PDB file of N, CA and C in Angstrom:
ATOM      1  N   UNK A   1       0.842  -1.183   0.000  1.00  0.00           N
ATOM      2  CA  UNK A   1       0.000   0.000   0.000  1.00  0.00           C
ATOM      3  C   UNK A   1       0.887   1.247   0.000  1.00  0.00           C
ATOM      4  N   UNK A   2       0.482   2.253  -0.743  1.00  0.00           N
ATOM      5  CA  UNK A   2       1.237   3.507  -0.800  1.00  0.00           C
ATOM      6  C   UNK A   2       0.816   4.419   0.344  1.00  0.00           C
ATOM      7  N   UNK A   3       1.804   5.074   0.938  1.00  0.00           N
ATOM      8  CA  UNK A   3       1.563   6.035   2.014  1.00  0.00           C
ATOM      9  C   UNK A   3       2.162   7.368   1.600  1.00  0.00           C
ATOM     10  N   UNK A   4       1.534   8.426   2.060  1.00  0.00           N
ATOM     11  CA  UNK A   4       1.941   9.786   1.686  1.00  0.00           C
ATOM     12  C   UNK A   4       2.355  10.541   2.942  1.00  0.00           C
ATOM     13  N   UNK A   5       3.530  11.148   2.887  1.00  0.00           N
ATOM     14  CA  UNK A   5       4.002  12.015   3.962  1.00  0.00           C
ATOM     15  C   UNK A   5       4.171  13.404   3.365  1.00  0.00           C
ATOM     16  N   UNK A   6       3.534  14.391   3.967  1.00  0.00           N
ATOM     17  CA  UNK A   6       3.627  15.771   3.502  1.00  0.00           C
ATOM     18  C   UNK A   6       4.337  16.615   4.548  1.00  0.00           C
ATOM     19  N   UNK A   7       5.229  17.483   4.072  1.00  0.00           N
ATOM     20  CA  UNK A   7       5.973  18.386   4.945  1.00  0.00           C
ATOM     21  C   UNK A   7       5.735  19.806   4.446  1.00  0.00           C
ATOM     22  N   UNK A   8       5.254  20.685   5.333  1.00  0.00           N
ATOM     23  CA  UNK A   8       4.969  22.074   4.964  1.00  0.00           C
ATOM     24  C   UNK A   8       5.668  23.017   5.948  1.00  0.00           C
ATOM     25  N   UNK A   9       6.025  24.180   5.433  1.00  0.00           N
ATOM     26  CA  UNK A   9       6.666  25.204   6.259  1.00  0.00           C
ATOM     27  C   UNK A   9       5.637  25.857   7.183  1.00  0.00           C
ATOM     28  N   UNK A  10       6.059  26.187   8.386  1.00  0.00           N
ATOM     29  CA  UNK A  10       5.217  26.946   9.306  1.00  0.00           C
ATOM     30  C   UNK A  10       5.704  28.380   9.427  1.00  0.00           C
ATOM     31  N   UNK A  11       6.841  28.675   8.797  1.00  0.00           N
ATOM     32  CA  UNK A  11       7.413  30.017   8.766  1.00  0.00           C
ATOM     33  C   UNK A  11       7.552  30.433   7.299  1.00  0.00           C
ATOM     34  N   UNK A  12       7.852  31.704   7.028  1.00  0.00           N
ATOM     35  CA  UNK A  12       8.035  32.112   5.629  1.00  0.00           C
ATOM     36  C   UNK A  12       9.053  31.220   4.919  1.00  0.00           C
ATOM     37  N   UNK A  13       8.720  30.835   3.696  1.00  0.00           N
ATOM     38  CA  UNK A  13       9.514  29.886   2.924  1.00  0.00           C
ATOM     39  C   UNK A  13      10.194  30.602   1.758  1.00  0.00           C
ATOM     40  N   UNK A  14      11.517  30.642   1.771  1.00  0.00           N
ATOM     41  CA  UNK A  14      12.277  31.307   0.712  1.00  0.00           C
ATOM     42  C   UNK A  14      11.994  30.688  -0.648  1.00  0.00           C
ATOM     43  N   UNK A  15      11.866  29.366  -0.708  1.00  0.00           N
ATOM     44  CA  UNK A  15      11.579  28.698  -1.982  1.00  0.00           C
ATOM     45  C   UNK A  15      10.261  29.198  -2.565  1.00  0.00           C
ATOM     46  N   UNK A  16       9.264  29.365  -1.718  1.00  0.00           N
ATOM     47  CA  UNK A  16       7.954  29.835  -2.179  1.00  0.00           C
ATOM     48  C   UNK A  16       8.040  31.287  -2.649  1.00  0.00           C
ATOM     49  N   UNK A  17       8.811  32.100  -1.958  1.00  0.00           N
ATOM     50  CA  UNK A  17       8.970  33.498  -2.357  1.00  0.00           C
ATOM     51  C   UNK A  17       9.631  33.607  -3.725  1.00  0.00           C
ATOM     52  N   UNK A  18      10.649  32.781  -3.981  1.00  0.00           N
ATOM     53  CA  UNK A  18      11.324  32.788  -5.285  1.00  0.00           C
ATOM     54  C   UNK A  18      10.338  32.400  -6.380  1.00  0.00           C
ATOM     55  N   UNK A  19       9.554  31.379  -6.157  1.00  0.00           N
ATOM     56  CA  UNK A  19       8.575  30.961  -7.168  1.00  0.00           C
ATOM     57  C   UNK A  19       7.498  32.026  -7.383  1.00  0.00           C
ATOM     58  N   UNK A  20       7.102  32.658  -6.297  1.00  0.00           N
ATOM     59  CA  UNK A  20       6.113  33.728  -6.417  1.00  0.00           C
ATOM     60  C   UNK A  20       6.658  34.836  -7.322  1.00  0.00           C
ATOM     61  N   UNK A  21       7.897  35.225  -7.098  1.00  0.00           N
ATOM     62  CA  UNK A  21       8.514  36.259  -7.932  1.00  0.00           C
ATOM     63  C   UNK A  21       8.565  35.827  -9.397  1.00  0.00           C
ATOM     64  N   UNK A  22       8.847  34.571  -9.641  1.00  0.00           N
ATOM     65  CA  UNK A  22       8.878  34.069 -11.022  1.00  0.00           C
ATOM     66  C   UNK A  22       7.492  34.108 -11.656  1.00  0.00           C
ATOM     67  N   UNK A  23       6.472  33.698 -10.914  1.00  0.00           N
ATOM     68  CA  UNK A  23       5.103  33.749 -11.448  1.00  0.00           C
ATOM     69  C   UNK A  23       4.704  35.185 -11.758  1.00  0.00           C
ATOM     70  N   UNK A  24       5.016  36.106 -10.851  1.00  0.00           N
ATOM     71  CA  UNK A  24       4.683  37.511 -11.059  1.00  0.00           C
ATOM     72  C   UNK A  24       5.417  38.044 -12.287  1.00  0.00           C
ATOM     73  N   UNK A  25       6.667  37.641 -12.476  1.00  0.00           N
ATOM     74  CA  UNK A  25       7.465  38.155 -13.597  1.00  0.00           C
ATOM     75  C   UNK A  25       6.901  37.746 -14.959  1.00  0.00           C
ATOM     76  N   UNK A  26       6.164  36.651 -15.025  1.00  0.00           N
ATOM     77  CA  UNK A  26       5.564  36.229 -16.296  1.00  0.00           C
ATOM     78  C   UNK A  26       4.058  36.490 -16.324  1.00  0.00           C
ATOM     79  N   UNK A  27       3.568  37.253 -15.338  1.00  0.00           N
ATOM     80  CA  UNK A  27       2.150  37.607 -15.247  1.00  0.00           C
ATOM     81  C   UNK A  27       1.276  36.349 -15.272  1.00  0.00           C
ATOM     82  N   UNK A  28       1.657  35.359 -14.492  1.00  0.00           N
ATOM     83  CA  UNK A  28       0.951  34.081 -14.411  1.00  0.00           C
ATOM     84  C   UNK A  28      -0.365  34.265 -13.672  1.00  0.00           C
ATOM     85  N   UNK A  29      -1.489  34.095 -14.366  1.00  0.00           N
ATOM     86  CA  UNK A  29      -2.837  34.262 -13.802  1.00  0.00           C
ATOM     87  C   UNK A  29      -3.009  35.615 -13.115  1.00  0.00           C
ATOM     88  N   UNK A  30      -2.466  36.657 -13.695  1.00  0.00           N
ATOM     89  CA  UNK A  30      -2.608  37.987 -13.097  1.00  0.00           C
ATOM     90  C   UNK A  30      -1.675  38.146 -11.921  1.00  0.00           C
ATOM     91  N   UNK A  31      -2.146  38.737 -10.869  1.00  0.00           N
ATOM     92  CA  UNK A  31      -1.270  38.973  -9.711  1.00  0.00           C
ATOM     93  C   UNK A  31      -1.311  37.762  -8.767  1.00  0.00           C
ATOM     94  N   UNK A  32      -0.141  37.289  -8.396  1.00  0.00           N
ATOM     95  CA  UNK A  32      -0.020  36.171  -7.459  1.00  0.00           C
ATOM     96  C   UNK A  32       0.215  36.772  -6.085  1.00  0.00           C
ATOM     97  N   UNK A  33      -0.665  36.471  -5.150  1.00  0.00           N
ATOM     98  CA  UNK A  33      -0.544  37.028  -3.802  1.00  0.00           C
ATOM     99  C   UNK A  33       0.312  36.176  -2.883  1.00  0.00           C
ATOM    100  N   UNK A  34       0.267  34.851  -3.077  1.00  0.00           N
ATOM    101  CA  UNK A  34       0.984  33.980  -2.158  1.00  0.00           C
ATOM    102  C   UNK A  34       1.245  32.643  -2.836  1.00  0.00           C
ATOM    103  N   UNK A  35       2.331  31.997  -2.432  1.00  0.00           N
ATOM    104  CA  UNK A  35       2.677  30.676  -2.930  1.00  0.00           C
ATOM    105  C   UNK A  35       3.000  29.801  -1.727  1.00  0.00           C
ATOM    106  N   UNK A  36       2.427  28.622  -1.678  1.00  0.00           N
ATOM    107  CA  UNK A  36       2.707  27.652  -0.622  1.00  0.00           C
ATOM    108  C   UNK A  36       3.282  26.409  -1.268  1.00  0.00           C
ATOM    109  N   UNK A  37       4.342  25.879  -0.695  1.00  0.00           N
ATOM    110  CA  UNK A  37       4.944  24.648  -1.178  1.00  0.00           C
ATOM    111  C   UNK A  37       4.792  23.561  -0.124  1.00  0.00           C
ATOM    112  N   UNK A  38       4.530  22.359  -0.587  1.00  0.00           N
ATOM    113  CA  UNK A  38       4.457  21.198   0.297  1.00  0.00           C
ATOM    114  C   UNK A  38       5.325  20.114  -0.320  1.00  0.00           C
ATOM    115  N   UNK A  39       6.270  19.601   0.440  1.00  0.00           N
ATOM    116  CA  UNK A  39       7.095  18.481  -0.023  1.00  0.00           C
ATOM    117  C   UNK A  39       6.319  17.197   0.240  1.00  0.00           C
ATOM    118  N   UNK A  40       6.211  16.364  -0.790  1.00  0.00           N
ATOM    119  CA  UNK A  40       5.429  15.133  -0.683  1.00  0.00           C
ATOM    120  C   UNK A  40       6.344  13.934  -0.913  1.00  0.00           C
ATOM    121  N   UNK A  41       6.278  12.982  -0.001  1.00  0.00           N
ATOM    122  CA  UNK A  41       7.033  11.737  -0.097  1.00  0.00           C
ATOM    123  C   UNK A  41       6.034  10.591  -0.150  1.00  0.00           C
ATOM    124  N   UNK A  42       6.234   9.684  -1.090  1.00  0.00           N
ATOM    125  CA  UNK A  42       5.366   8.523  -1.211  1.00  0.00           C
ATOM    126  C   UNK A  42       6.178   7.281  -0.887  1.00  0.00           C
ATOM    127  N   UNK A  43       5.698   6.499   0.067  1.00  0.00           N
ATOM    128  CA  UNK A  43       6.369   5.263   0.455  1.00  0.00           C
ATOM    129  C   UNK A  43       5.455   4.097   0.127  1.00  0.00           C
ATOM    130  N   UNK A  44       5.997   3.128  -0.535  1.00  0.00           N
ATOM    131  CA  UNK A  44       5.241   1.939  -0.909  1.00  0.00           C
ATOM    132  C   UNK A  44       5.625   0.809   0.028  1.00  0.00           C
ATOM    133  N   UNK A  45       4.630   0.184   0.664  1.00  0.00           N
ATOM    134  CA  UNK A  45       4.896  -0.941   1.544  1.00  0.00           C
ATOM    135  C   UNK A  45       3.891  -1.011   2.675  1.00  0.00           C
ATOM    136  N   UNK A  46       3.982  -2.091   3.426  1.00  0.00           N
ATOM    137  CA  UNK A  46       3.113  -2.273   4.588  1.00  0.00           C
ATOM    138  C   UNK A  46       3.838  -1.754   5.821  1.00  0.00           C
ATOM    139  N   UNK A  47       3.528  -0.519   6.197  1.00  0.00           N
ATOM    140  CA  UNK A  47       4.171   0.115   7.342  1.00  0.00           C
ATOM    141  C   UNK A  47       3.159   0.315   8.452  1.00  0.00           C
ATOM    142  N   UNK A  48       3.617   0.188   9.665  1.00  0.00           N
ATOM    143  CA  UNK A  48       2.788   0.520  10.827  1.00  0.00           C
ATOM    144  C   UNK A  48       2.703   2.044  10.937  1.00  0.00           C
ATOM    145  N   UNK A  49       1.633   2.529  11.525  1.00  0.00           N
ATOM    146  CA  UNK A  49       1.441   3.976  11.711  1.00  0.00           C
ATOM    147  C   UNK A  49       2.634   4.586  12.449  1.00  0.00           C
ATOM    148  N   UNK A  50       3.137   3.897  13.451  1.00  0.00           N
ATOM    149  CA  UNK A  50       4.273   4.402  14.242  1.00  0.00           C
ATOM    150  C   UNK A  50       5.526   4.535  13.375  1.00  0.00           C
ATOM    151  N   UNK A  51       5.739   3.595  12.453  1.00  0.00           N
ATOM    152  CA  UNK A  51       6.899   3.664  11.566  1.00  0.00           C
ATOM    153  C   UNK A  51       6.799   4.881  10.649  1.00  0.00           C
ATOM    154  N   UNK A  52       5.613   5.120  10.108  1.00  0.00           N
ATOM    155  CA  UNK A  52       5.410   6.266   9.230  1.00  0.00           C
ATOM    156  C   UNK A  52       5.583   7.575   9.992  1.00  0.00           C
ATOM    157  N   UNK A  53       5.090   7.627  11.214  1.00  0.00           N
ATOM    158  CA  UNK A  53       5.251   8.831  12.028  1.00  0.00           C
ATOM    159  C   UNK A  53       6.721   9.067  12.366  1.00  0.00           C
ATOM    160  N   UNK A  54       7.476   8.002  12.554  1.00  0.00           N
ATOM    161  CA  UNK A  54       8.910   8.133  12.814  1.00  0.00           C
ATOM    162  C   UNK A  54       9.628   8.697  11.585  1.00  0.00           C
ATOM    163  N   UNK A  55       9.279   8.215  10.395  1.00  0.00           N
ATOM    164  CA  UNK A  55       9.858   8.742   9.159  1.00  0.00           C
ATOM    165  C   UNK A  55       9.497  10.214   9.003  1.00  0.00           C
ATOM    166  N   UNK A  56       8.241  10.553   9.261  1.00  0.00           N
ATOM    167  CA  UNK A  56       7.803  11.953   9.167  1.00  0.00           C
ATOM    168  C   UNK A  56       8.594  12.829  10.128  1.00  0.00           C
ATOM    169  N   UNK A  57       8.865  12.348  11.320  1.00  0.00           N
ATOM    170  CA  UNK A  57       9.615  13.150  12.292  1.00  0.00           C
ATOM    171  C   UNK A  57      11.072  13.341  11.867  1.00  0.00           C
ATOM    172  N   UNK A  58      11.599  12.415  11.066  1.00  0.00           N
ATOM    173  CA  UNK A  58      12.954  12.559  10.530  1.00  0.00           C
ATOM    174  C   UNK A  58      12.965  13.594   9.400  1.00  0.00           C
ATOM    175  N   UNK A  59      11.926  13.603   8.583  1.00  0.00           N
ATOM    176  CA  UNK A  59      11.871  14.495   7.429  1.00  0.00           C
ATOM    177  C   UNK A  59      11.557  15.942   7.796  1.00  0.00           C
ATOM    178  N   UNK A  60      10.771  16.161   8.846  1.00  0.00           N
ATOM    179  CA  UNK A  60      10.330  17.511   9.208  1.00  0.00           C
ATOM    180  C   UNK A  60      11.165  18.069  10.355  1.00  0.00           C
ATOM    181  N   UNK A  61      11.558  19.325  10.206  1.00  0.00           N
ATOM    182  CA  UNK A  61      12.223  20.036  11.288  1.00  0.00           C
ATOM    183  C   UNK A  61      11.128  20.725  12.105  1.00  0.00           C
ATOM    184  N   UNK A  62      10.899  20.317  13.353  1.00  0.00           N
ATOM    185  CA  UNK A  62       9.767  20.848  14.122  1.00  0.00           C
ATOM    186  C   UNK A  62       9.870  22.337  14.439  1.00  0.00           C
ATOM    187  N   UNK A  63      11.035  22.926  14.236  1.00  0.00           N
ATOM    188  CA  UNK A  63      11.197  24.358  14.489  1.00  0.00           C
ATOM    189  C   UNK A  63      10.448  25.184  13.450  1.00  0.00           C
ATOM    190  N   UNK A  64      10.461  24.733  12.178  1.00  0.00           N
ATOM    191  CA  UNK A  64       9.816  25.530  11.138  1.00  0.00           C
ATOM    192  C   UNK A  64       9.044  24.708  10.113  1.00  0.00           C
ATOM    193  N   UNK A  65       8.764  23.449  10.428  1.00  0.00           N
ATOM    194  CA  UNK A  65       7.983  22.622   9.518  1.00  0.00           C
ATOM    195  C   UNK A  65       6.958  21.792  10.284  1.00  0.00           C
ATOM    196  N   UNK A  66       5.920  21.412   9.556  1.00  0.00           N
ATOM    197  CA  UNK A  66       4.888  20.532  10.102  1.00  0.00           C
ATOM    198  C   UNK A  66       4.731  19.363   9.139  1.00  0.00           C
ATOM    199  N   UNK A  67       4.588  18.166   9.675  1.00  0.00           N
ATOM    200  CA  UNK A  67       4.426  16.996   8.835  1.00  0.00           C
ATOM    201  C   UNK A  67       3.099  16.303   9.086  1.00  0.00           C
ATOM    202  N   UNK A  68       2.625  15.622   8.045  1.00  0.00           N
ATOM    203  CA  UNK A  68       1.394  14.836   8.150  1.00  0.00           C
ATOM    204  C   UNK A  68       1.591  13.509   7.442  1.00  0.00           C
ATOM    205  N   UNK A  69       0.986  12.475   7.994  1.00  0.00           N
ATOM    206  CA  UNK A  69       1.058  11.132   7.413  1.00  0.00           C
ATOM    207  C   UNK A  69      -0.321  10.749   6.903  1.00  0.00           C
ATOM    208  N   UNK A  70      -0.406  10.403   5.624  1.00  0.00           N
ATOM    209  CA  UNK A  70      -1.662   9.986   4.981  1.00  0.00           C
ATOM    210  C   UNK A  70      -2.791  10.979   5.208  1.00  0.00           C
ATOM    211  N   UNK A  71      -2.435  12.247   5.284  1.00  0.00           N
ATOM    212  CA  UNK A  71      -3.414  13.319   5.459  1.00  0.00           C
ATOM    213  C   UNK A  71      -2.871  14.540   4.732  1.00  0.00           C
ATOM    214  N   UNK A  72      -3.697  15.185   3.933  1.00  0.00           N
ATOM    215  CA  UNK A  72      -3.226  16.298   3.103  1.00  0.00           C
ATOM    216  C   UNK A  72      -3.371  17.637   3.814  1.00  0.00           C
ATOM    217  N   UNK A  73      -2.417  18.528   3.526  1.00  0.00           N
ATOM    218  CA  UNK A  73      -2.581  19.924   3.888  1.00  0.00           C
ATOM    219  C   UNK A  73      -3.540  20.504   2.863  1.00  0.00           C
ATOM    220  N   UNK A  74      -4.574  21.177   3.307  1.00  0.00           N
ATOM    221  CA  UNK A  74      -5.551  21.731   2.377  1.00  0.00           C
ATOM    222  C   UNK A  74      -5.687  23.229   2.660  1.00  0.00           C
ATOM    223  N   UNK A  75      -4.760  24.011   2.093  1.00  0.00           N
ATOM    224  CA  UNK A  75      -4.870  25.467   2.286  1.00  0.00           C
ATOM    225  C   UNK A  75      -5.956  26.041   1.390  1.00  0.00           C
ATOM    226  N   UNK A  76      -6.409  27.243   1.722  1.00  0.00           N
ATOM    227  CA  UNK A  76      -7.357  27.919   0.839  1.00  0.00           C
ATOM    228  C   UNK A  76      -6.567  28.455  -0.342  1.00  0.00           C
ATOM    229  N   UNK A  77      -7.084  28.237  -1.559  1.00  0.00           N
ATOM    230  CA  UNK A  77      -6.386  28.719  -2.736  1.00  0.00           C
ATOM    231  C   UNK A  77      -7.355  28.902  -3.890  1.00  0.00           C
ATOM    232  N   UNK A  78      -6.907  29.685  -4.867  1.00  0.00           N
ATOM    233  CA  UNK A  78      -7.670  29.889  -6.092  1.00  0.00           C
ATOM    234  C   UNK A  78      -7.206  28.973  -7.206  1.00  0.00           C
ATOM    235  N   UNK A  79      -5.890  28.696  -7.254  1.00  0.00           N
ATOM    236  CA  UNK A  79      -5.313  27.848  -8.295  1.00  0.00           C
ATOM    237  C   UNK A  79      -4.288  26.919  -7.676  1.00  0.00           C
ATOM    238  N   UNK A  80      -4.175  25.741  -8.225  1.00  0.00           N
ATOM    239  CA  UNK A  80      -3.112  24.793  -7.855  1.00  0.00           C
ATOM    240  C   UNK A  80      -2.344  24.459  -9.117  1.00  0.00           C
ATOM    241  N   UNK A  81      -1.022  24.471  -9.020  1.00  0.00           N
ATOM    242  CA  UNK A  81      -0.169  24.184 -10.179  1.00  0.00           C
ATOM    243  C   UNK A  81       0.632  22.941  -9.881  1.00  0.00           C
TER     244      UNK A  81
END
């Protein structure tokens, strides 16, 4: 079975700011107000919930990131790319 681990920033993300500037520079869908990035890892196999949570804790830095296992971050947005 495939499992999904998502890691999102809880503080301003430089990578997102760079992409936002690029979208604005090409007038992508008019004015872009904000960009959010989520790193997604897919693991294939029969894993226990505790094992997946342990992997998530290795991937996410709790100081400025939040991780989720088999649950999506669903921010409010107008467009997804």
